[in-house]
């Protein structure tokens, strides 16, 4: 029997869509091979996403999965800053589900990015998400976010890439480059009798854009912008390309202050990296997931090759990106300081934040719009925890109490085992007023309690609402109009 498990080791990840070519050919692979995409027109993207169980064929093996529109990789959504996203969501599961637009700095209220909403089994719901005009272009994603079911639903396929266009234009001296998207997902099978799954893949199915093996092509000297996202439920990815290095230009959709060279891309759960890859000498190079067991007996290897990049054709000259100008939150002064401690029960069946399990009806943290705060996230366990907050990015200020240089903004960060990170958050965007979540993005931990509710409050709106209630009470009591005017003036002055 083949039974999907929901602990998804995403260390197996990534490559590009496309077809392998001969070294002498002129490579020109189509964008996003085999992954349907929807593109905004005239400022609006209207799509239907149907969540439904089904079967997906992975290299001849049929597996039970859950997908949007029957596409295991997930339909790709492409928008520009300032666009409006309208999603007609159809829940055809036997359980509730919903949508979260991860990394969008948009409203958490109403029918926007509101994960407090649950769409019952068999029901439809219309989401409308206004992408802010100052939303950083880059790689984001959407996924199911029903508490208690997130690990299962995301682990079996309920996610997809969301691209905010224009990243290359924001990097000085980068200009127009070819772009490729990696939708990275894995499924673990713990009791499969299929020899390919059990013996060759060791119970793990790794997919790239919904396929188990991807071939890509590029020219010598060509710089290609790879959008890489880890849509795993639980584990990190460690990706390398034989004979090449990566140049990181953005993390979690936010530009880095200077391009960073890396031999291995370490991508935590829910994290995204936008990287430049420059083609080397003609040849075929393996794309390798580090620390992933594959093969049997003397052929067994701890590193799995999950794709190939063929370099051939006429050589071209690659651009050299330079450093963009970015806002550094260290120039802001925090008003408040908070500490959040991650712990868990001995049997790892309960996961706590400040000794509390998640309660949908409880507000754990209240912040005034306009405030800047420093939060220390402490991991008092030997388990991996990844902090994520909805609606706004943050800046890492210190790791294990040691200050770190400015490296750009993030929306997810790994908290060292038996260690801590200090982050700075600027609650300045009026669009984020409302209630939303912060949590561990190891979804097994979130589902078992490691999540809390934050409410951002606009003090002016609270004051005006209080004035309205007061005036209504005065009118009910028969207060003369001439007496109401000085009351309003005094309220406004105070």
Protein backbone atom coordinates (compact mmCIF):
# COMPACT_ATOMS: atom_id res chain seq x y z
CA UNK A 1 0.00 0.00 0.00
CA UNK A 2 1.21 3.51 -0.78
CA UNK A 3 0.35 5.97 1.95
CA UNK A 4 1.41 9.62 1.94
CA UNK A 5 3.01 11.01 5.08
CA UNK A 6 2.89 14.64 5.96
CA UNK A 7 6.46 15.15 7.24
CA UNK A 8 7.94 16.55 4.05
CA UNK A 9 11.76 16.70 3.91
CA UNK A 10 12.33 19.63 1.56
CA UNK A 11 16.06 19.24 1.52
CA UNK A 12 15.50 17.62 -1.85
CA UNK A 13 14.66 20.52 -3.87
CA UNK A 14 14.84 22.46 -6.96
CA UNK A 15 15.57 22.99 -10.59
CA UNK A 16 14.18 24.65 -13.61
CA UNK A 17 11.53 23.52 -16.07
CA UNK A 18 12.60 22.89 -19.67
CA UNK A 19 14.21 20.32 -21.91
CA UNK A 20 17.85 19.20 -22.08
CA UNK A 21 19.67 20.19 -25.26
CA UNK A 22 22.82 19.23 -27.12
CA UNK A 23 25.85 21.29 -26.17
CA UNK A 24 26.03 22.85 -29.62
CA UNK A 25 22.41 24.00 -29.75
CA UNK A 26 21.12 27.48 -29.04
CA UNK A 27 19.10 27.06 -25.82
CA UNK A 28 15.81 28.86 -25.68
CA UNK A 29 13.58 26.86 -23.29
CA UNK A 30 9.98 27.99 -22.77
CA UNK A 31 9.19 29.78 -19.50
CA UNK A 32 7.75 27.65 -16.72
CA UNK A 33 7.48 24.37 -18.59
CA UNK A 34 4.44 22.30 -17.60
CA UNK A 35 3.22 24.70 -14.86
CA UNK A 36 0.15 26.76 -15.87
CA UNK A 37 0.22 30.40 -14.86
CA UNK A 38 -2.24 33.26 -14.66
CA UNK A 39 -1.10 36.80 -15.40
CA UNK A 40 -2.74 40.05 -14.30
CA UNK A 41 -4.21 42.30 -16.99
CA UNK A 42 -5.19 45.95 -16.56
CA UNK A 43 -4.38 45.79 -12.86
CA UNK A 44 -6.55 42.75 -12.04
CA UNK A 45 -5.91 39.04 -11.80
CA UNK A 46 -9.08 36.95 -11.50
CA UNK A 47 -8.60 33.21 -10.96
CA UNK A 48 -10.48 30.19 -9.69
CA UNK A 49 -8.64 27.82 -7.35
CA UNK A 50 -10.35 24.50 -6.69
CA UNK A 51 -8.92 22.48 -3.79
CA UNK A 52 -9.59 18.82 -4.51
CA UNK A 53 -8.15 15.39 -3.79
CA UNK A 54 -6.83 13.36 -6.70
CA UNK A 55 -3.91 11.31 -7.93
CA UNK A 56 -0.58 12.48 -9.30
CA UNK A 57 1.75 10.36 -11.40
CA UNK A 58 5.40 10.59 -10.37
CA UNK A 59 7.61 8.70 -12.83
CA UNK A 60 5.04 5.94 -13.28
CA UNK A 61 3.88 5.80 -9.67
CA UNK A 62 0.38 7.05 -8.84
CA UNK A 63 0.05 8.83 -5.47
CA UNK A 64 -2.92 10.35 -3.64
CA UNK A 65 -2.44 14.12 -3.42
CA UNK A 66 -4.38 17.35 -2.88
CA UNK A 67 -3.99 20.09 -5.46
CA UNK A 68 -5.37 23.36 -6.76
CA UNK A 69 -7.03 22.85 -10.15
CA UNK A 70 -5.53 19.36 -10.34
CA UNK A 71 -1.99 20.78 -10.63
CA UNK A 72 0.36 19.35 -7.99
CA UNK A 73 2.92 22.15 -8.47
CA UNK A 74 0.13 24.70 -8.06
CA UNK A 75 -0.95 27.30 -10.64
CA UNK A 76 1.44 30.26 -10.74
CA UNK A 77 0.00 33.72 -10.07
CA UNK A 78 1.83 36.70 -11.61
CA UNK A 79 1.03 40.30 -10.63
CA UNK A 80 2.61 43.74 -10.40
CA UNK A 81 2.71 46.02 -7.35
CA UNK A 82 -0.62 47.83 -7.06
CA UNK A 83 -2.62 45.05 -8.77
CA UNK A 84 -5.74 43.47 -7.34
CA UNK A 85 -5.98 39.69 -6.92
CA UNK A 86 -9.43 38.12 -6.99
CA UNK A 87 -9.61 34.42 -6.16
CA UNK A 88 -12.79 32.38 -6.39
CA UNK A 89 -11.87 29.60 -3.96
CA UNK A 90 -13.74 26.30 -4.23
CA UNK A 91 -13.21 23.91 -1.34
CA UNK A 92 -13.99 20.43 -2.64
CA UNK A 93 -12.32 18.69 0.31
CA UNK A 94 -14.10 16.82 3.08
CA UNK A 95 -12.63 19.28 5.61
CA UNK A 96 -12.29 23.07 5.97
CA UNK A 97 -9.56 24.96 4.21
CA UNK A 98 -8.56 28.54 3.37
CA UNK A 99 -5.86 30.62 1.69
CA UNK A 100 -2.89 32.60 2.99
CA UNK A 101 -0.93 34.90 0.66
CA UNK A 102 2.49 34.50 2.24
CA UNK A 103 4.61 37.66 2.29
CA UNK A 104 1.91 40.04 1.06
CA UNK A 105 1.91 43.28 3.07
CA UNK A 106 -1.82 43.63 2.68
CA UNK A 107 -4.93 43.76 4.85
CA UNK A 108 -5.65 40.81 7.17
CA UNK A 109 -9.32 41.76 7.41
CA UNK A 110 -12.52 40.93 5.54
CA UNK A 111 -12.02 38.77 2.47
CA UNK A 112 -8.37 39.73 2.05
CA UNK A 113 -5.41 37.79 3.55
CA UNK A 114 -7.54 36.71 6.49
CA UNK A 115 -6.52 33.29 7.83
CA UNK A 116 -9.11 33.55 10.60
CA UNK A 117 -11.59 32.66 7.87
CA UNK A 118 -12.31 28.98 7.27
CA UNK A 119 -14.16 27.85 4.16
CA UNK A 120 -16.28 24.79 5.08
CA UNK A 121 -16.08 21.56 3.11
CA UNK A 122 -17.93 21.85 -0.18
CA UNK A 123 -18.30 25.65 -0.02
CA UNK A 124 -16.97 28.53 -2.12
CA UNK A 125 -15.49 31.86 -1.06
CA UNK A 126 -14.30 34.96 -2.91
CA UNK A 127 -10.99 36.50 -1.81
CA UNK A 128 -9.90 39.98 -2.89
CA UNK A 129 -6.32 40.96 -2.10
CA UNK A 130 -4.96 44.41 -2.93
CA UNK A 131 -1.24 44.14 -3.65
CA UNK A 132 0.34 47.31 -2.20
CA UNK A 133 2.03 49.67 -4.64
CA UNK A 134 5.18 49.41 -2.52
CA UNK A 135 5.09 45.61 -2.29
CA UNK A 136 8.68 44.51 -3.06
CA UNK A 137 8.83 42.57 -6.35
CA UNK A 138 10.02 39.02 -5.84
CA UNK A 139 9.05 35.46 -5.03
CA UNK A 140 6.12 34.75 -2.74
CA UNK A 141 3.59 31.93 -2.44
CA UNK A 142 0.04 31.07 -1.42
CA UNK A 143 -1.00 28.05 0.60
CA UNK A 144 -3.64 26.47 2.81
CA UNK A 145 -3.57 27.71 6.42
CA UNK A 146 -6.31 25.93 8.46
CA UNK A 147 -4.99 25.39 11.98
CA UNK A 148 -4.59 21.68 12.72
CA UNK A 149 -4.65 20.76 9.02
CA UNK A 150 -1.90 22.95 7.54
CA UNK A 151 0.85 20.31 7.57
CA UNK A 152 -1.37 17.76 5.87
CA UNK A 153 -2.85 20.06 3.22
CA UNK A 154 0.38 21.85 2.28
CA UNK A 155 2.37 18.61 2.46
CA UNK A 156 0.10 16.94 -0.08
CA UNK A 157 0.18 19.83 -2.53
CA UNK A 158 -2.04 22.77 -1.52
CA UNK A 159 0.34 25.59 -2.41
CA UNK A 160 1.63 27.53 -5.39
CA UNK A 161 4.00 30.30 -6.39
CA UNK A 162 3.00 33.97 -6.43
CA UNK A 163 5.36 36.25 -8.34
CA UNK A 164 5.30 40.03 -7.93
CA UNK A 165 6.94 41.18 -11.15
CA UNK A 166 9.77 43.68 -11.53
CA UNK A 167 12.59 42.32 -9.36
CA UNK A 168 15.29 42.52 -12.04
CA UNK A 169 14.47 46.18 -12.67
CA UNK A 170 15.22 47.03 -9.02
CA UNK A 171 18.76 45.63 -9.04
CA UNK A 172 21.23 48.20 -10.44
CA UNK A 173 23.07 47.03 -13.55
CA UNK A 174 21.02 43.82 -13.79
CA UNK A 175 18.52 44.90 -16.41
CA UNK A 176 16.53 42.40 -18.44
CA UNK A 177 17.59 38.83 -17.73
CA UNK A 178 15.88 35.55 -18.40
CA UNK A 179 13.91 34.35 -15.38
CA UNK A 180 13.04 30.82 -14.27
CA UNK A 181 10.78 29.64 -11.50
CA UNK A 182 11.29 26.62 -9.20
CA UNK A 183 8.22 25.26 -7.44
CA UNK A 184 9.72 22.87 -4.89
CA UNK A 185 7.67 20.14 -3.25
CA UNK A 186 8.27 16.70 -1.79
CA UNK A 187 6.05 13.89 -0.52
CA UNK A 188 7.28 11.21 1.88
CA UNK A 189 5.94 7.65 1.68
CA UNK A 190 6.77 5.57 4.74
CA UNK A 191 5.37 2.17 3.77
CA UNK A 192 5.42 2.03 -0.02
CA UNK A 193 5.98 -1.37 -1.64
CA UNK A 194 6.90 0.21 -4.95
CA UNK A 195 10.62 -0.51 -5.50
CA UNK A 196 11.32 2.93 -6.98
CA UNK A 197 9.87 4.73 -3.95
CA UNK A 198 11.11 2.32 -1.31
CA UNK A 199 14.56 1.41 -2.66
CA UNK A 200 15.70 4.14 -5.04
CA UNK A 201 14.02 7.13 -3.38
CA UNK A 202 14.07 5.78 0.21
CA UNK A 203 10.42 6.66 0.71
CA UNK A 204 10.75 10.23 -0.52
CA UNK A 205 9.31 11.67 -3.74
CA UNK A 206 11.04 14.93 -4.65
CA UNK A 207 9.42 17.12 -7.30
CA UNK A 208 10.42 20.24 -9.18
CA UNK A 209 7.58 22.01 -10.95
CA UNK A 210 5.59 18.80 -10.34
CA UNK A 211 8.20 16.50 -11.93
CA UNK A 212 10.71 14.08 -10.43
CA UNK A 213 13.57 15.03 -12.77
CA UNK A 214 14.15 18.35 -14.46
CA UNK A 215 16.55 19.26 -17.25
CA UNK A 216 17.51 22.89 -17.91
CA UNK A 217 19.59 24.70 -20.52
CA UNK A 218 21.59 27.92 -20.61
CA UNK A 219 24.48 29.50 -22.51
CA UNK A 220 28.07 29.93 -21.36
CA UNK A 221 28.32 33.25 -19.56
CA UNK A 222 24.55 33.72 -19.46
CA UNK A 223 23.12 35.03 -16.18
CA UNK A 224 19.66 33.64 -15.41
CA UNK A 225 17.51 34.77 -12.49
CA UNK A 226 16.21 31.75 -10.59
CA UNK A 227 13.16 32.21 -8.35
CA UNK A 228 13.47 29.40 -5.78
CA UNK A 229 10.86 28.75 -3.10
CA UNK A 230 10.75 26.04 -0.45
CA UNK A 231 7.09 25.01 -0.18
CA UNK A 232 7.86 22.19 2.24
CA UNK A 233 5.72 21.62 5.29
CA UNK A 234 8.61 21.11 7.66
CA UNK A 235 12.23 20.82 6.57
CA UNK A 236 14.97 22.91 5.01
CA UNK A 237 16.57 22.50 1.59
CA UNK A 238 20.29 22.51 0.76
CA UNK A 239 20.80 22.98 -2.96
CA UNK A 240 24.02 23.00 -5.00
CA UNK A 241 24.86 23.11 -8.70
CA UNK A 242 28.04 21.24 -9.59
CA UNK A 243 30.81 23.54 -10.77
CA UNK A 244 28.85 26.73 -10.10
CA UNK A 245 28.08 29.30 -7.44
CA UNK A 246 24.90 31.25 -6.82
CA UNK A 247 24.61 35.02 -6.41
CA UNK A 248 21.78 35.85 -4.00
CA UNK A 249 19.99 39.12 -4.84
CA UNK A 250 16.83 38.77 -2.72
CA UNK A 251 15.48 36.79 0.22
CA UNK A 252 11.76 36.40 0.96
CA UNK A 253 11.02 38.89 -1.82
CA UNK A 254 13.25 41.58 -0.29
CA UNK A 255 16.48 42.74 -1.94
CA UNK A 256 19.77 42.20 -0.12
CA UNK A 257 21.97 45.30 0.35
CA UNK A 258 24.74 43.71 -1.74
CA UNK A 259 24.75 40.55 -3.90
CA UNK A 260 25.98 37.55 -1.87
CA UNK A 261 27.85 34.59 -3.36
CA UNK A 262 26.98 31.09 -2.10
CA UNK A 263 28.03 27.56 -3.07
CA UNK A 264 24.97 26.04 -1.38
CA UNK A 265 21.51 27.55 -1.04
CA UNK A 266 20.17 26.85 2.45
CA UNK A 267 16.43 27.46 2.17
CA UNK A 268 14.29 27.06 5.28
CA UNK A 269 10.63 26.05 5.23
CA UNK A 270 8.53 28.77 3.56
CA UNK A 271 11.63 30.78 2.59
CA UNK A 272 12.40 32.00 -0.92
CA UNK A 273 15.62 33.02 -2.63
CA UNK A 274 16.07 34.94 -5.86
CA UNK A 275 19.51 34.10 -7.23
CA UNK A 276 21.58 34.68 -10.33
CA UNK A 277 23.20 31.64 -11.94
CA UNK A 278 25.90 32.33 -14.52
CA UNK A 279 26.61 29.56 -17.01
CA UNK A 280 30.12 28.12 -16.93
CA UNK A 281 31.96 26.07 -19.53
CA UNK A 282 29.89 23.92 -21.93
CA UNK A 283 28.83 20.64 -20.35
CA UNK A 284 26.20 18.94 -18.20
CA UNK A 285 26.09 19.77 -14.48
CA UNK A 286 24.17 18.06 -11.71
CA UNK A 287 21.73 19.92 -9.51
CA UNK A 288 22.21 18.30 -6.10
CA UNK A 289 20.09 18.15 -2.95
CA UNK A 290 22.66 17.84 -0.16
CA UNK A 291 22.14 15.38 2.70
CA UNK A 292 19.41 13.42 0.90
CA UNK A 293 19.80 9.66 0.80
CA UNK A 294 19.47 7.94 -2.57
CA UNK A 295 20.38 4.55 -4.11
CA UNK A 296 21.19 1.22 -2.47
CA UNK A 297 24.19 -0.76 -1.15
CA UNK A 298 27.53 0.44 -2.55
CA UNK A 299 25.68 2.90 -4.78
CA UNK A 300 24.03 4.60 -1.86
CA UNK A 301 24.77 8.33 -1.62
CA UNK A 302 23.84 11.00 0.96
CA UNK A 303 23.43 13.55 -1.86
CA UNK A 304 20.74 13.18 -4.48
CA UNK A 305 20.97 14.55 -8.02
CA UNK A 306 17.53 15.94 -8.78
CA UNK A 307 18.16 17.58 -12.13
CA UNK A 308 20.75 18.67 -14.65
CA UNK A 309 21.73 21.93 -16.29
CA UNK A 310 23.20 21.66 -19.79
CA UNK A 311 25.35 24.60 -20.86
CA UNK A 312 25.95 25.09 -24.57
CA UNK A 313 25.58 27.38 -27.55
CA UNK A 314 27.07 30.79 -28.17
CA UNK A 315 28.71 32.43 -25.18
CA UNK A 316 27.27 35.68 -23.86
CA UNK A 317 28.44 38.30 -21.37
CA UNK A 318 26.74 38.28 -17.97
CA UNK A 319 25.80 41.53 -16.21
CA UNK A 320 27.32 42.32 -12.82
CA UNK A 321 24.61 43.42 -10.37
CA UNK A 322 25.49 46.19 -7.95
CA UNK A 323 24.11 47.12 -4.54
CA UNK A 324 20.66 48.77 -4.38
CA UNK A 325 19.72 51.43 -1.84
CA UNK A 326 17.58 49.91 0.92
CA UNK A 327 15.92 51.05 4.11
CA UNK A 328 17.81 49.88 7.20
CA UNK A 329 15.52 49.50 10.23
CA UNK A 330 18.50 49.92 12.57
CA UNK A 331 18.00 53.67 11.98
CA UNK A 332 14.66 53.44 13.80
CA UNK A 333 14.27 53.43 17.59
CA UNK A 334 12.16 50.65 19.11
CA UNK A 335 9.38 51.67 21.47
CA UNK A 336 8.79 48.25 23.01
CA UNK A 337 10.72 45.03 23.63
CA UNK A 338 9.15 41.56 23.77
CA UNK A 339 10.43 38.02 24.22
CA UNK A 340 8.82 34.87 22.82
CA UNK A 341 10.05 31.45 23.93
CA UNK A 342 9.55 28.26 21.85
CA UNK A 343 9.18 25.08 23.92
CA UNK A 344 7.53 21.70 23.50
CA UNK A 345 6.28 18.73 25.46
CA UNK A 346 8.55 15.73 25.99
CA UNK A 347 6.54 13.63 23.55
CA UNK A 348 6.60 16.46 20.93
CA UNK A 349 2.84 16.41 20.70
CA UNK A 350 2.40 19.97 22.02
CA UNK A 351 4.37 23.03 20.94
CA UNK A 352 4.22 26.24 22.98
CA UNK A 353 4.97 29.95 22.64
CA UNK A 354 5.49 31.52 26.08
CA UNK A 355 3.88 28.41 27.61
CA UNK A 356 0.68 28.92 25.61
CA UNK A 357 -0.99 26.77 22.97
CA UNK A 358 -2.72 28.55 20.10
CA UNK A 359 -6.20 29.91 20.81
CA UNK A 360 -8.00 31.40 17.83
CA UNK A 361 -10.18 33.60 20.07
CA UNK A 362 -7.32 35.05 22.14
CA UNK A 363 -5.23 38.09 21.20
CA UNK A 364 -1.73 37.48 22.55
CA UNK A 365 -0.03 40.71 21.41
CA UNK A 366 -1.37 44.21 20.71
CA UNK A 367 0.65 46.83 18.87
CA UNK A 368 -0.20 50.41 17.93
CA UNK A 369 0.12 51.39 14.30
CA UNK A 370 3.27 53.48 13.93
CA UNK A 371 5.25 51.66 16.62
CA UNK A 372 8.64 50.03 16.13
CA UNK A 373 9.43 47.02 18.32
CA UNK A 374 12.28 44.62 19.00
CA UNK A 375 11.33 40.98 19.54
CA UNK A 376 13.64 38.30 20.88
CA UNK A 377 12.65 34.81 19.72
CA UNK A 378 14.24 32.10 21.87
CA UNK A 379 14.36 28.40 21.06
CA UNK A 380 14.60 26.42 24.30
CA UNK A 381 14.66 23.07 22.52
CA UNK A 382 16.85 20.87 20.34
CA UNK A 383 14.29 21.00 17.52
CA UNK A 384 14.33 23.24 14.45
CA UNK A 385 11.95 26.20 14.69
CA UNK A 386 11.36 28.83 12.01
CA UNK A 387 9.71 32.11 13.01
CA UNK A 388 7.26 33.75 10.58
CA UNK A 389 4.93 36.71 10.92
CA UNK A 390 2.15 37.60 8.51
CA UNK A 391 1.61 41.02 6.87
CA UNK A 392 5.07 42.59 7.38
CA UNK A 393 8.77 41.79 7.07
CA UNK A 394 11.38 42.28 9.77
CA UNK A 395 15.11 42.84 10.12
CA UNK A 396 17.38 40.44 12.02
CA UNK A 397 19.40 42.49 14.52
CA UNK A 398 21.25 39.77 16.44
CA UNK A 399 21.74 36.00 16.55
CA UNK A 400 22.58 34.41 19.90
CA UNK A 401 22.97 37.95 21.32
CA UNK A 402 25.65 38.87 18.76
CA UNK A 403 24.78 41.83 16.51
CA UNK A 404 24.65 41.06 12.81
CA UNK A 405 25.17 43.44 9.87
CA UNK A 406 22.23 44.62 7.81
CA UNK A 407 21.35 41.89 5.30
CA UNK A 408 17.92 43.06 4.17
CA UNK A 409 14.43 42.17 5.38
CA UNK A 410 12.87 38.72 5.84
CA UNK A 411 9.49 37.21 6.69
CA UNK A 412 10.90 33.89 7.96
CA UNK A 413 14.01 33.15 10.01
CA UNK A 414 15.40 30.01 11.59
CA UNK A 415 15.85 30.24 15.35
CA UNK A 416 19.01 28.38 16.44
CA UNK A 417 18.50 25.34 18.66
CA UNK A 418 19.11 26.42 22.28
CA UNK A 419 19.65 29.90 20.88
CA UNK A 420 17.86 33.10 19.88
CA UNK A 421 17.35 35.77 17.25
CA UNK A 422 16.44 39.41 17.83
CA UNK A 423 14.34 41.06 15.14
CA UNK A 424 13.08 44.61 14.56
CA UNK A 425 9.55 45.15 13.27
CA UNK A 426 8.15 48.47 12.01
CA UNK A 427 4.34 48.51 12.19
CA UNK A 428 4.03 51.52 9.88
CA UNK A 429 1.74 50.33 7.08
CA UNK A 430 -1.92 51.30 7.75
CA UNK A 431 -3.07 48.41 5.53
CA UNK A 432 -2.02 45.85 8.16
CA UNK A 433 -4.40 47.09 10.88
CA UNK A 434 -6.31 44.08 12.19
CA UNK A 435 -5.64 40.61 13.59
CA UNK A 436 -3.17 38.18 12.08
CA UNK A 437 -0.69 35.47 13.07
CA UNK A 438 2.92 34.83 13.96
CA UNK A 439 4.08 31.24 14.34
CA UNK A 440 6.65 28.56 13.69
CA UNK A 441 6.57 27.71 9.99
CA UNK A 442 7.47 24.10 10.64
CA UNK A 443 3.81 23.29 10.05
CA UNK A 444 3.81 20.26 12.31
CA UNK A 445 4.67 22.64 15.16
CA UNK A 446 2.14 25.27 14.13
CA UNK A 447 -0.65 22.69 13.93
CA UNK A 448 0.21 21.48 17.44
CA UNK A 449 0.01 24.87 19.08
CA UNK A 450 3.04 27.04 18.20
CA UNK A 451 1.12 30.07 16.89
CA UNK A 452 -0.30 33.27 18.36
CA UNK A 453 -2.56 36.16 17.34
CA UNK A 454 -1.37 39.76 17.04
CA UNK A 455 -3.65 42.77 16.66
CA UNK A 456 -2.38 46.02 15.16
CA UNK A 457 -4.56 48.91 16.32
CA UNK A 458 -4.81 52.41 14.86
CA UNK A 459 -4.99 54.73 17.93
CA UNK A 460 -6.66 57.48 15.88
CA UNK A 461 -9.39 55.14 14.70
CA UNK A 462 -9.96 53.95 18.27
CA UNK A 463 -10.19 57.56 19.45
CA UNK A 464 -12.67 58.48 16.72
CA UNK A 465 -14.78 55.42 17.44
CA UNK A 466 -14.84 56.37 21.11
CA UNK A 467 -15.94 59.90 20.20
CA UNK A 468 -18.75 58.55 18.05
CA UNK A 469 -20.01 56.35 20.89
CA UNK A 470 -19.79 59.27 23.33
CA UNK A 471 -21.71 61.64 21.06
CA UNK A 472 -24.37 59.00 20.47
CA UNK A 473 -24.79 58.65 24.23
CA UNK A 474 -25.04 62.46 24.63
CA UNK A 475 -27.75 62.62 21.97
CA UNK A 476 -29.70 59.84 23.65
CA UNK A 477 -29.54 61.82 26.90
CA UNK A 478 -30.86 64.96 25.19
CA UNK A 479 -27.68 67.05 25.46
CA UNK A 480 -28.22 70.44 23.71
CA UNK A 481 -26.29 70.85 20.40
CA UNK A 482 -24.49 73.96 21.71
CA UNK A 483 -22.94 71.78 24.42
CA UNK A 484 -21.76 69.13 21.96
CA UNK A 485 -19.46 71.50 20.02
CA UNK A 486 -17.04 72.26 22.89
CA UNK A 487 -17.01 68.54 23.78
CA UNK A 488 -15.87 67.69 20.24
CA UNK A 489 -13.26 70.44 20.32
CA UNK A 490 -11.90 69.25 23.64
CA UNK A 491 -11.75 65.63 22.38
CA UNK A 492 -9.86 66.66 19.24
CA UNK A 493 -7.39 68.73 21.25
CA UNK A 494 -6.82 65.95 23.78
